[in-house]
Amino acid sequence: MQQFTGAGTPSGSFGSIVGVGVDNATGNVFVVDNADNVVDEFSSSGAYLGDVTGAGTPASSFNGPQGVAVDAAGDVYVTDGGNHVVDEFAPVVFPPSPPARLLRSPARARR
């Protein structure tokens, strides 16, 4: 059993976990925190890697994320109930500078 801590408020906590997804290729774990409107990404060992950002208003914000899934190519899909969309995020080969919380970028949003 591995323990994961989120980037919520207060720092290191989750508000309301409503979904979990795993990238089978990397072992990374995605945790949907509905109360904090964030999807956190962790390594298989539990290290916090950053968060996935949505296509809401303002840009790159979720409004009630509900679930997460990862396909064989590493694309991450997040259902965003408040924005009424499913966002798709493609893996980032080279993290942006600074290599912080934008580990995935929207490929196609608001389908």
PDB file of N, CA and C in Angstrom:
ATOM      1  N   MET A   1       0.842  -1.167   0.000  1.00  0.00           N
ATOM      2  CA  MET A   1       0.000   0.000   0.000  1.00  0.00           C
ATOM      3  C   MET A   1       0.887   1.230   0.000  1.00  0.00           C
ATOM      4  N   GLN A   2       0.638   2.145  -0.938  1.00  0.00           N
ATOM      5  CA  GLN A   2       1.400   3.382  -1.060  1.00  0.00           C
ATOM      6  C   GLN A   2       0.520   4.546  -0.633  1.00  0.00           C
ATOM      7  N   GLN A   3       1.066   5.507   0.092  1.00  0.00           N
ATOM      8  CA  GLN A   3       0.316   6.685   0.513  1.00  0.00           C
ATOM      9  C   GLN A   3       0.632   7.843  -0.413  1.00  0.00           C
ATOM     10  N   PHE A   4      -0.411   8.534  -0.853  1.00  0.00           N
ATOM     11  CA  PHE A   4      -0.270   9.689  -1.715  1.00  0.00           C
ATOM     12  C   PHE A   4      -0.850  10.890  -0.992  1.00  0.00           C
ATOM     13  N   THR A   5      -0.206  12.051  -1.112  1.00  0.00           N
ATOM     14  CA  THR A   5      -0.762  13.282  -0.556  1.00  0.00           C
ATOM     15  C   THR A   5      -0.915  14.278  -1.683  1.00  0.00           C
ATOM     16  N   GLY A   6      -2.005  15.027  -1.679  1.00  0.00           N
ATOM     17  CA  GLY A   6      -2.328  15.930  -2.777  1.00  0.00           C
ATOM     18  C   GLY A   6      -1.782  17.317  -2.591  1.00  0.00           C
ATOM     19  N   ALA A   7      -2.108  18.158  -3.559  1.00  0.00           N
ATOM     20  CA  ALA A   7      -1.668  19.555  -3.539  1.00  0.00           C
ATOM     21  C   ALA A   7      -2.788  20.473  -3.107  1.00  0.00           C
ATOM     22  N   GLY A   8      -3.776  19.935  -2.413  1.00  0.00           N
ATOM     23  CA  GLY A   8      -4.957  20.696  -2.019  1.00  0.00           C
ATOM     24  C   GLY A   8      -4.696  21.665  -0.890  1.00  0.00           C
ATOM     25  N   THR A   9      -5.795  22.155  -0.316  1.00  0.00           N
ATOM     26  CA  THR A   9      -5.734  23.109   0.774  1.00  0.00           C
ATOM     27  C   THR A   9      -6.252  22.449   2.036  1.00  0.00           C
ATOM     28  N   PRO A  10      -5.533  22.354   3.139  1.00  0.00           N
ATOM     29  CA  PRO A  10      -4.146  22.807   3.248  1.00  0.00           C
ATOM     30  C   PRO A  10      -3.213  21.946   2.410  1.00  0.00           C
ATOM     31  N   SER A  11      -2.040  22.465   2.140  1.00  0.00           N
ATOM     32  CA  SER A  11      -1.069  21.775   1.298  1.00  0.00           C
ATOM     33  C   SER A  11      -0.856  20.343   1.773  1.00  0.00           C
ATOM     34  N   GLY A  12      -0.832  19.425   0.818  1.00  0.00           N
ATOM     35  CA  GLY A  12      -0.601  18.027   1.151  1.00  0.00           C
ATOM     36  C   GLY A  12      -1.860  17.247   1.446  1.00  0.00           C
ATOM     37  N   SER A  13      -3.011  17.844   1.187  1.00  0.00           N
ATOM     38  CA  SER A  13      -4.259  17.153   1.490  1.00  0.00           C
ATOM     39  C   SER A  13      -5.161  17.091   0.263  1.00  0.00           C
ATOM     40  N   PHE A  14      -6.104  16.164   0.298  1.00  0.00           N
ATOM     41  CA  PHE A  14      -7.130  16.079  -0.732  1.00  0.00           C
ATOM     42  C   PHE A  14      -8.422  16.618  -0.139  1.00  0.00           C
ATOM     43  N   GLY A  15      -9.244  17.252  -0.986  1.00  0.00           N
ATOM     44  CA  GLY A  15     -10.534  17.727  -0.536  1.00  0.00           C
ATOM     45  C   GLY A  15     -11.592  16.644  -0.644  1.00  0.00           C
ATOM     46  N   SER A  16     -11.718  16.037  -1.835  1.00  0.00           N
ATOM     47  CA  SER A  16     -12.719  15.007  -2.071  1.00  0.00           C
ATOM     48  C   SER A  16     -12.293  14.174  -3.276  1.00  0.00           C
ATOM     49  N   ILE A  17     -11.734  13.007  -3.020  1.00  0.00           N
ATOM     50  CA  ILE A  17     -11.288  12.133  -4.109  1.00  0.00           C
ATOM     51  C   ILE A  17     -12.508  11.458  -4.723  1.00  0.00           C
ATOM     52  N   VAL A  18     -12.676  11.638  -6.035  1.00  0.00           N
ATOM     53  CA  VAL A  18     -13.813  11.033  -6.727  1.00  0.00           C
ATOM     54  C   VAL A  18     -13.393  10.097  -7.851  1.00  0.00           C
ATOM     55  N   GLY A  19     -12.091  10.014  -8.138  1.00  0.00           N
ATOM     56  CA  GLY A  19     -11.638   9.128  -9.199  1.00  0.00           C
ATOM     57  C   GLY A  19     -10.144   8.911  -9.165  1.00  0.00           C
ATOM     58  N   VAL A  20      -9.738   7.751  -9.678  1.00  0.00           N
ATOM     59  CA  VAL A  20      -8.318   7.401  -9.766  1.00  0.00           C
ATOM     60  C   VAL A  20      -8.092   6.699 -11.096  1.00  0.00           C
ATOM     61  N   GLY A  21      -7.006   7.037 -11.776  1.00  0.00           N
ATOM     62  CA  GLY A  21      -6.623   6.369 -13.017  1.00  0.00           C
ATOM     63  C   GLY A  21      -5.148   6.046 -12.983  1.00  0.00           C
ATOM     64  N   VAL A  22      -4.756   5.017 -13.731  1.00  0.00           N
ATOM     65  CA  VAL A  22      -3.354   4.590 -13.759  1.00  0.00           C
ATOM     66  C   VAL A  22      -2.881   4.510 -15.209  1.00  0.00           C
ATOM     67  N   ASP A  23      -1.711   5.064 -15.468  1.00  0.00           N
ATOM     68  CA  ASP A  23      -1.054   4.905 -16.763  1.00  0.00           C
ATOM     69  C   ASP A  23      -0.294   3.590 -16.701  1.00  0.00           C
ATOM     70  N   ASN A  24      -0.776   2.580 -17.402  1.00  0.00           N
ATOM     71  CA  ASN A  24      -0.166   1.253 -17.326  1.00  0.00           C
ATOM     72  C   ASN A  24       1.255   1.218 -17.867  1.00  0.00           C
ATOM     73  N   ALA A  25       1.613   2.130 -18.758  1.00  0.00           N
ATOM     74  CA  ALA A  25       2.967   2.151 -19.318  1.00  0.00           C
ATOM     75  C   ALA A  25       3.990   2.676 -18.319  1.00  0.00           C
ATOM     76  N   THR A  26       3.613   3.714 -17.559  1.00  0.00           N
ATOM     77  CA  THR A  26       4.563   4.341 -16.638  1.00  0.00           C
ATOM     78  C   THR A  26       4.300   3.983 -15.179  1.00  0.00           C
ATOM     79  N   GLY A  27       3.085   3.554 -14.881  1.00  0.00           N
ATOM     80  CA  GLY A  27       2.698   3.302 -13.498  1.00  0.00           C
ATOM     81  C   GLY A  27       2.245   4.550 -12.764  1.00  0.00           C
ATOM     82  N   ASN A  28       2.273   5.703 -13.456  1.00  0.00           N
ATOM     83  CA  ASN A  28       1.835   6.941 -12.810  1.00  0.00           C
ATOM     84  C   ASN A  28       0.358   6.861 -12.456  1.00  0.00           C
ATOM     85  N   VAL A  29       0.008   7.503 -11.340  1.00  0.00           N
ATOM     86  CA  VAL A  29      -1.350   7.475 -10.816  1.00  0.00           C
ATOM     87  C   VAL A  29      -1.928   8.889 -10.885  1.00  0.00           C
ATOM     88  N   PHE A  30      -3.174   8.988 -11.359  1.00  0.00           N
ATOM     89  CA  PHE A  30      -3.884  10.264 -11.448  1.00  0.00           C
ATOM     90  C   PHE A  30      -5.037  10.238 -10.461  1.00  0.00           C
ATOM     91  N   VAL A  31      -5.127  11.260  -9.611  1.00  0.00           N
ATOM     92  CA  VAL A  31      -6.155  11.329  -8.584  1.00  0.00           C
ATOM     93  C   VAL A  31      -7.016  12.564  -8.834  1.00  0.00           C
ATOM     94  N   VAL A  32      -8.331  12.349  -8.964  1.00  0.00           N
ATOM     95  CA  VAL A  32      -9.272  13.441  -9.191  1.00  0.00           C
ATOM     96  C   VAL A  32      -9.757  13.960  -7.844  1.00  0.00           C
ATOM     97  N   ASP A  33      -9.478  15.223  -7.577  1.00  0.00           N
ATOM     98  CA  ASP A  33      -9.908  15.886  -6.347  1.00  0.00           C
ATOM     99  C   ASP A  33     -10.981  16.903  -6.724  1.00  0.00           C
ATOM    100  N   ASN A  34     -12.240  16.523  -6.547  1.00  0.00           N
ATOM    101  CA  ASN A  34     -13.373  17.347  -6.948  1.00  0.00           C
ATOM    102  C   ASN A  34     -13.456  18.641  -6.156  1.00  0.00           C
ATOM    103  N   ALA A  35     -13.226  18.594  -4.858  1.00  0.00           N
ATOM    104  CA  ALA A  35     -13.362  19.780  -4.011  1.00  0.00           C
ATOM    105  C   ALA A  35     -12.311  20.838  -4.339  1.00  0.00           C
ATOM    106  N   ASP A  36     -11.105  20.414  -4.710  1.00  0.00           N
ATOM    107  CA  ASP A  36     -10.042  21.358  -5.036  1.00  0.00           C
ATOM    108  C   ASP A  36      -9.940  21.620  -6.538  1.00  0.00           C
ATOM    109  N   ASN A  37     -10.840  20.997  -7.359  1.00  0.00           N
ATOM    110  CA  ASN A  37     -10.865  21.196  -8.808  1.00  0.00           C
ATOM    111  C   ASN A  37      -9.513  20.935  -9.456  1.00  0.00           C
ATOM    112  N   VAL A  38      -8.930  19.779  -9.102  1.00  0.00           N
ATOM    113  CA  VAL A  38      -7.602  19.456  -9.608  1.00  0.00           C
ATOM    114  C   VAL A  38      -7.499  17.958  -9.858  1.00  0.00           C
ATOM    115  N   VAL A  39      -6.632  17.590 -10.789  1.00  0.00           N
ATOM    116  CA  VAL A  39      -6.246  16.195 -11.009  1.00  0.00           C
ATOM    117  C   VAL A  39      -4.737  16.144 -10.799  1.00  0.00           C
ATOM    118  N   ASP A  40      -4.326  15.464  -9.728  1.00  0.00           N
ATOM    119  CA  ASP A  40      -2.908  15.366  -9.389  1.00  0.00           C
ATOM    120  C   ASP A  40      -2.297  14.129 -10.026  1.00  0.00           C
ATOM    121  N   GLU A  41      -1.032  14.242 -10.440  1.00  0.00           N
ATOM    122  CA  GLU A  41      -0.292  13.107 -11.004  1.00  0.00           C
ATOM    123  C   GLU A  41       0.834  12.722 -10.044  1.00  0.00           C
ATOM    124  N   PHE A  42       0.942  11.408  -9.780  1.00  0.00           N
ATOM    125  CA  PHE A  42       1.960  10.870  -8.898  1.00  0.00           C
ATOM    126  C   PHE A  42       2.726   9.766  -9.612  1.00  0.00           C
ATOM    127  N   SER A  43       3.990   9.593  -9.248  1.00  0.00           N
ATOM    128  CA  SER A  43       4.741   8.441  -9.743  1.00  0.00           C
ATOM    129  C   SER A  43       4.218   7.197  -9.040  1.00  0.00           C
ATOM    130  N   SER A  44       4.608   6.036  -9.523  1.00  0.00           N
ATOM    131  CA  SER A  44       4.159   4.789  -8.904  1.00  0.00           C
ATOM    132  C   SER A  44       4.679   4.653  -7.477  1.00  0.00           C
ATOM    133  N   SER A  45       5.730   5.397  -7.130  1.00  0.00           N
ATOM    134  CA  SER A  45       6.267   5.344  -5.770  1.00  0.00           C
ATOM    135  C   SER A  45       5.607   6.368  -4.852  1.00  0.00           C
ATOM    136  N   GLY A  46       4.682   7.187  -5.398  1.00  0.00           N
ATOM    137  CA  GLY A  46       3.962   8.152  -4.584  1.00  0.00           C
ATOM    138  C   GLY A  46       4.493   9.566  -4.632  1.00  0.00           C
ATOM    139  N   ALA A  47       5.536   9.828  -5.422  1.00  0.00           N
ATOM    140  CA  ALA A  47       6.081  11.183  -5.526  1.00  0.00           C
ATOM    141  C   ALA A  47       5.124  12.064  -6.334  1.00  0.00           C
ATOM    142  N   TYR A  48       4.835  13.244  -5.823  1.00  0.00           N
ATOM    143  CA  TYR A  48       3.964  14.194  -6.516  1.00  0.00           C
ATOM    144  C   TYR A  48       4.694  14.733  -7.737  1.00  0.00           C
ATOM    145  N   LEU A  49       4.081  14.630  -8.934  1.00  0.00           N
ATOM    146  CA  LEU A  49       4.709  15.082 -10.169  1.00  0.00           C
ATOM    147  C   LEU A  49       4.135  16.393 -10.683  1.00  0.00           C
ATOM    148  N   GLY A  50       2.919  16.717 -10.302  1.00  0.00           N
ATOM    149  CA  GLY A  50       2.275  17.932 -10.794  1.00  0.00           C
ATOM    150  C   GLY A  50       0.802  17.679 -10.977  1.00  0.00           C
ATOM    151  N   ASP A  51       0.146  18.620 -11.659  1.00  0.00           N
ATOM    152  CA  ASP A  51      -1.272  18.414 -11.912  1.00  0.00           C
ATOM    153  C   ASP A  51      -1.584  18.556 -13.382  1.00  0.00           C
ATOM    154  N   VAL A  52      -2.752  18.065 -13.730  1.00  0.00           N
ATOM    155  CA  VAL A  52      -3.274  18.166 -15.086  1.00  0.00           C
ATOM    156  C   VAL A  52      -4.198  19.367 -15.086  1.00  0.00           C
ATOM    157  N   THR A  53      -4.138  20.218 -16.113  1.00  0.00           N
ATOM    158  CA  THR A  53      -4.969  21.409 -16.153  1.00  0.00           C
ATOM    159  C   THR A  53      -6.083  21.258 -17.170  1.00  0.00           C
ATOM    160  N   GLY A  54      -7.209  21.871 -16.911  1.00  0.00           N
ATOM    161  CA  GLY A  54      -8.389  21.720 -17.749  1.00  0.00           C
ATOM    162  C   GLY A  54      -8.615  22.879 -18.698  1.00  0.00           C
ATOM    163  N   ALA A  55      -9.758  22.829 -19.386  1.00  0.00           N
ATOM    164  CA  ALA A  55     -10.076  23.834 -20.404  1.00  0.00           C
ATOM    165  C   ALA A  55     -11.205  24.756 -19.977  1.00  0.00           C
ATOM    166  N   GLY A  56     -11.372  24.956 -18.692  1.00  0.00           N
ATOM    167  CA  GLY A  56     -12.456  25.786 -18.183  1.00  0.00           C
ATOM    168  C   GLY A  56     -12.151  27.265 -18.289  1.00  0.00           C
ATOM    169  N   THR A  57     -12.966  28.068 -17.600  1.00  0.00           N
ATOM    170  CA  THR A  57     -12.781  29.505 -17.569  1.00  0.00           C
ATOM    171  C   THR A  57     -12.472  29.897 -16.143  1.00  0.00           C
ATOM    172  N   PRO A  58     -11.368  30.537 -15.806  1.00  0.00           N
ATOM    173  CA  PRO A  58     -10.347  30.904 -16.767  1.00  0.00           C
ATOM    174  C   PRO A  58      -9.681  29.686 -17.383  1.00  0.00           C
ATOM    175  N   ALA A  59      -8.967  29.920 -18.481  1.00  0.00           N
ATOM    176  CA  ALA A  59      -8.317  28.821 -19.178  1.00  0.00           C
ATOM    177  C   ALA A  59      -7.500  27.991 -18.218  1.00  0.00           C
ATOM    178  N   SER A  60      -7.487  26.717 -18.429  1.00  0.00           N
ATOM    179  CA  SER A  60      -6.707  25.755 -17.649  1.00  0.00           C
ATOM    180  C   SER A  60      -7.247  25.523 -16.251  1.00  0.00           C
ATOM    181  N   SER A  61      -8.566  25.619 -16.076  1.00  0.00           N
ATOM    182  CA  SER A  61      -9.118  25.291 -14.766  1.00  0.00           C
ATOM    183  C   SER A  61     -10.304  24.338 -14.919  1.00  0.00           C
ATOM    184  N   PHE A  62     -10.376  23.393 -13.988  1.00  0.00           N
ATOM    185  CA  PHE A  62     -11.512  22.481 -13.931  1.00  0.00           C
ATOM    186  C   PHE A  62     -12.607  23.099 -13.078  1.00  0.00           C
ATOM    187  N   ASN A  63     -13.817  22.620 -13.285  1.00  0.00           N
ATOM    188  CA  ASN A  63     -14.948  23.037 -12.474  1.00  0.00           C
ATOM    189  C   ASN A  63     -15.734  21.776 -12.128  1.00  0.00           C
ATOM    190  N   GLY A  64     -15.281  21.079 -11.113  1.00  0.00           N
ATOM    191  CA  GLY A  64     -15.946  19.847 -10.706  1.00  0.00           C
ATOM    192  C   GLY A  64     -15.523  18.632 -11.499  1.00  0.00           C
ATOM    193  N   PRO A  65     -14.211  18.341 -11.566  1.00  0.00           N
ATOM    194  CA  PRO A  65     -13.786  17.126 -12.279  1.00  0.00           C
ATOM    195  C   PRO A  65     -14.387  15.895 -11.613  1.00  0.00           C
ATOM    196  N   GLN A  66     -14.782  14.928 -12.433  1.00  0.00           N
ATOM    197  CA  GLN A  66     -15.503  13.760 -11.924  1.00  0.00           C
ATOM    198  C   GLN A  66     -14.763  12.445 -12.095  1.00  0.00           C
ATOM    199  N   GLY A  67     -13.956  12.312 -13.136  1.00  0.00           N
ATOM    200  CA  GLY A  67     -13.300  11.043 -13.388  1.00  0.00           C
ATOM    201  C   GLY A  67     -12.090  11.218 -14.281  1.00  0.00           C
ATOM    202  N   VAL A  68     -11.285  10.151 -14.359  1.00  0.00           N
ATOM    203  CA  VAL A  68     -10.070  10.188 -15.167  1.00  0.00           C
ATOM    204  C   VAL A  68      -9.817   8.799 -15.745  1.00  0.00           C
ATOM    205  N   ALA A  69      -9.295   8.773 -16.964  1.00  0.00           N
ATOM    206  CA  ALA A  69      -8.902   7.514 -17.612  1.00  0.00           C
ATOM    207  C   ALA A  69      -7.643   7.784 -18.428  1.00  0.00           C
ATOM    208  N   VAL A  70      -6.827   6.750 -18.603  1.00  0.00           N
ATOM    209  CA  VAL A  70      -5.592   6.861 -19.374  1.00  0.00           C
ATOM    210  C   VAL A  70      -5.601   5.766 -20.428  1.00  0.00           C
ATOM    211  N   ASP A  71      -5.334   6.141 -21.696  1.00  0.00           N
ATOM    212  CA  ASP A  71      -5.314   5.125 -22.752  1.00  0.00           C
ATOM    213  C   ASP A  71      -3.902   4.569 -22.950  1.00  0.00           C
ATOM    214  N   ALA A  72      -3.772   3.628 -23.868  1.00  0.00           N
ATOM    215  CA  ALA A  72      -2.488   2.943 -24.082  1.00  0.00           C
ATOM    216  C   ALA A  72      -1.395   3.888 -24.575  1.00  0.00           C
ATOM    217  N   ALA A  73      -1.769   4.992 -25.216  1.00  0.00           N
ATOM    218  CA  ALA A  73      -0.786   5.960 -25.707  1.00  0.00           C
ATOM    219  C   ALA A  73      -0.357   6.945 -24.630  1.00  0.00           C
ATOM    220  N   GLY A  74      -0.968   6.869 -23.442  1.00  0.00           N
ATOM    221  CA  GLY A  74      -0.622   7.788 -22.362  1.00  0.00           C
ATOM    222  C   GLY A  74      -1.466   9.042 -22.354  1.00  0.00           C
ATOM    223  N   ASP A  75      -2.459   9.142 -23.257  1.00  0.00           N
ATOM    224  CA  ASP A  75      -3.365  10.279 -23.234  1.00  0.00           C
ATOM    225  C   ASP A  75      -4.259  10.169 -22.009  1.00  0.00           C
ATOM    226  N   VAL A  76      -4.504  11.300 -21.364  1.00  0.00           N
ATOM    227  CA  VAL A  76      -5.313  11.347 -20.151  1.00  0.00           C
ATOM    228  C   VAL A  76      -6.635  12.039 -20.481  1.00  0.00           C
ATOM    229  N   TYR A  77      -7.747  11.421 -20.067  1.00  0.00           N
ATOM    230  CA  TYR A  77      -9.086  11.963 -20.296  1.00  0.00           C
ATOM    231  C   TYR A  77      -9.706  12.294 -18.945  1.00  0.00           C
ATOM    232  N   VAL A  78     -10.193  13.530 -18.820  1.00  0.00           N
ATOM    233  CA  VAL A  78     -10.800  13.976 -17.569  1.00  0.00           C
ATOM    234  C   VAL A  78     -12.214  14.452 -17.860  1.00  0.00           C
ATOM    235  N   THR A  79     -13.189  13.882 -17.145  1.00  0.00           N
ATOM    236  CA  THR A  79     -14.552  14.382 -17.248  1.00  0.00           C
ATOM    237  C   THR A  79     -14.705  15.560 -16.296  1.00  0.00           C
ATOM    238  N   ASP A  80     -15.171  16.667 -16.835  1.00  0.00           N
ATOM    239  CA  ASP A  80     -15.298  17.918 -16.093  1.00  0.00           C
ATOM    240  C   ASP A  80     -16.776  18.290 -16.057  1.00  0.00           C
ATOM    241  N   GLY A  81     -17.453  17.940 -14.963  1.00  0.00           N
ATOM    242  CA  GLY A  81     -18.896  18.116 -14.866  1.00  0.00           C
ATOM    243  C   GLY A  81     -19.349  19.557 -14.915  1.00  0.00           C
ATOM    244  N   GLY A  82     -18.655  20.443 -14.238  1.00  0.00           N
ATOM    245  CA  GLY A  82     -19.067  21.840 -14.197  1.00  0.00           C
ATOM    246  C   GLY A  82     -18.910  22.558 -15.515  1.00  0.00           C
ATOM    247  N   ASN A  83     -17.910  22.170 -16.307  1.00  0.00           N
ATOM    248  CA  ASN A  83     -17.703  22.766 -17.622  1.00  0.00           C
ATOM    249  C   ASN A  83     -18.369  21.962 -18.735  1.00  0.00           C
ATOM    250  N   HIS A  84     -18.958  20.806 -18.385  1.00  0.00           N
ATOM    251  CA  HIS A  84     -19.684  19.956 -19.332  1.00  0.00           C
ATOM    252  C   HIS A  84     -18.813  19.523 -20.505  1.00  0.00           C
ATOM    253  N   VAL A  85     -17.589  19.084 -20.197  1.00  0.00           N
ATOM    254  CA  VAL A  85     -16.653  18.652 -21.234  1.00  0.00           C
ATOM    255  C   VAL A  85     -15.884  17.411 -20.783  1.00  0.00           C
ATOM    256  N   VAL A  86     -15.297  16.752 -21.763  1.00  0.00           N
ATOM    257  CA  VAL A  86     -14.274  15.743 -21.513  1.00  0.00           C
ATOM    258  C   VAL A  86     -13.004  16.292 -22.141  1.00  0.00           C
ATOM    259  N   ASP A  87     -12.009  16.549 -21.322  1.00  0.00           N
ATOM    260  CA  ASP A  87     -10.734  17.077 -21.813  1.00  0.00           C
ATOM    261  C   ASP A  87      -9.776  15.923 -22.088  1.00  0.00           C
ATOM    262  N   GLU A  88      -9.020  16.047 -23.175  1.00  0.00           N
ATOM    263  CA  GLU A  88      -7.990  15.063 -23.518  1.00  0.00           C
ATOM    264  C   GLU A  88      -6.639  15.755 -23.425  1.00  0.00           C
ATOM    265  N   PHE A  89      -5.692  15.091 -22.751  1.00  0.00           N
ATOM    266  CA  PHE A  89      -4.352  15.638 -22.584  1.00  0.00           C
ATOM    267  C   PHE A  89      -3.335  14.671 -23.152  1.00  0.00           C
ATOM    268  N   ALA A  90      -2.446  15.184 -23.993  1.00  0.00           N
ATOM    269  CA  ALA A  90      -1.387  14.368 -24.571  1.00  0.00           C
ATOM    270  C   ALA A  90      -0.150  14.445 -23.681  1.00  0.00           C
ATOM    271  N   PRO A  91       0.642  13.373 -23.623  1.00  0.00           N
ATOM    272  CA  PRO A  91       1.874  13.422 -22.825  1.00  0.00           C
ATOM    273  C   PRO A  91       2.824  14.504 -23.337  1.00  0.00           C
ATOM    274  N   VAL A  92       3.473  15.182 -22.426  1.00  0.00           N
ATOM    275  CA  VAL A  92       4.481  16.182 -22.778  1.00  0.00           C
ATOM    276  C   VAL A  92       5.832  15.493 -22.780  1.00  0.00           C
ATOM    277  N   VAL A  93       6.524  15.554 -23.915  1.00  0.00           N
ATOM    278  CA  VAL A  93       7.818  14.892 -24.019  1.00  0.00           C
ATOM    279  C   VAL A  93       8.870  15.656 -23.230  1.00  0.00           C
ATOM    280  N   PHE A  94       8.906  16.967 -23.404  1.00  0.00           N
ATOM    281  CA  PHE A  94       9.844  17.807 -22.668  1.00  0.00           C
ATOM    282  C   PHE A  94       9.026  18.743 -21.795  1.00  0.00           C
ATOM    283  N   PRO A  95       9.125  18.622 -20.470  1.00  0.00           N
ATOM    284  CA  PRO A  95       8.327  19.485 -19.600  1.00  0.00           C
ATOM    285  C   PRO A  95       8.615  20.947 -19.861  1.00  0.00           C
ATOM    286  N   PRO A  96       7.594  21.796 -19.697  1.00  0.00           N
ATOM    287  CA  PRO A  96       7.815  23.234 -19.888  1.00  0.00           C
ATOM    288  C   PRO A  96       8.747  23.784 -18.829  1.00  0.00           C
ATOM    289  N   SER A  97       9.230  24.979 -19.069  1.00  0.00           N
ATOM    290  CA  SER A  97      10.116  25.618 -18.110  1.00  0.00           C
ATOM    291  C   SER A  97       9.340  26.715 -17.400  1.00  0.00           C
ATOM    292  N   PRO A  98       9.262  26.743 -16.093  1.00  0.00           N
ATOM    293  CA  PRO A  98       9.834  25.750 -15.194  1.00  0.00           C
ATOM    294  C   PRO A  98       9.026  24.457 -15.225  1.00  0.00           C
ATOM    295  N   PRO A  99       9.688  23.344 -14.997  1.00  0.00           N
ATOM    296  CA  PRO A  99       8.996  22.050 -15.075  1.00  0.00           C
ATOM    297  C   PRO A  99       8.111  21.821 -13.867  1.00  0.00           C
ATOM    298  N   ALA A 100       7.019  22.552 -13.824  1.00  0.00           N
ATOM    299  CA  ALA A 100       6.128  22.463 -12.663  1.00  0.00           C
ATOM    300  C   ALA A 100       4.839  21.773 -13.039  1.00  0.00           C
ATOM    301  N   ARG A 101       3.738  22.344 -12.776  1.00  0.00           N
ATOM    302  CA  ARG A 101       2.450  21.694 -12.734  1.00  0.00           C
ATOM    303  C   ARG A 101       1.773  21.497 -14.087  1.00  0.00           C
ATOM    304  N   LEU A 102       2.440  21.681 -15.185  1.00  0.00           N
ATOM    305  CA  LEU A 102       1.835  21.485 -16.497  1.00  0.00           C
ATOM    306  C   LEU A 102       2.473  20.295 -17.192  1.00  0.00           C
ATOM    307  N   LEU A 103       2.336  19.116 -16.602  1.00  0.00           N
ATOM    308  CA  LEU A 103       2.973  17.935 -17.162  1.00  0.00           C
ATOM    309  C   LEU A 103       2.246  17.406 -18.378  1.00  0.00           C
ATOM    310  N   ARG A 104       1.015  17.806 -18.557  1.00  0.00           N
ATOM    311  CA  ARG A 104       0.234  17.400 -19.718  1.00  0.00           C
ATOM    312  C   ARG A 104      -0.437  18.647 -20.268  1.00  0.00           C
ATOM    313  N   SER A 105      -0.584  18.704 -21.582  1.00  0.00           N
ATOM    314  CA  SER A 105      -1.221  19.869 -22.193  1.00  0.00           C
ATOM    315  C   SER A 105      -2.447  19.438 -22.978  1.00  0.00           C
ATOM    316  N   PRO A 106      -3.465  20.320 -23.064  1.00  0.00           N
ATOM    317  CA  PRO A 106      -4.669  19.924 -23.784  1.00  0.00           C
ATOM    318  C   PRO A 106      -4.382  19.631 -25.248  1.00  0.00           C
ATOM    319  N   ALA A 107      -4.783  18.466 -25.722  1.00  0.00           N
ATOM    320  CA  ALA A 107      -4.662  18.124 -27.137  1.00  0.00           C
ATOM    321  C   ALA A 107      -5.940  18.547 -27.858  1.00  0.00           C
ATOM    322  N   ARG A 108      -7.071  18.102 -27.358  1.00  0.00           N
ATOM    323  CA  ARG A 108      -8.380  18.494 -27.887  1.00  0.00           C
ATOM    324  C   ARG A 108      -9.302  18.652 -26.703  1.00  0.00           C
ATOM    325  N   ALA A 109      -9.814  19.846 -26.530  1.00  0.00           N
ATOM    326  CA  ALA A 109     -10.715  20.096 -25.405  1.00  0.00           C
ATOM    327  C   ALA A 109     -12.114  20.406 -25.930  1.00  0.00           C
ATOM    328  N   ARG A 110     -13.082  20.251 -25.070  1.00  0.00           N
ATOM    329  CA  ARG A 110     -14.470  20.578 -25.377  1.00  0.00           C
ATOM    330  C   ARG A 110     -14.955  19.870 -26.633  1.00  0.00           C
ATOM    331  N   ARG A 111     -14.872  18.541 -26.602  1.00  0.00           N
ATOM    332  CA  ARG A 111     -15.350  17.746 -27.730  1.00  0.00           C
ATOM    333  C   ARG A 111     -16.840  17.747 -27.777  1.00  0.00           C
TER     334      ARG A 111
END
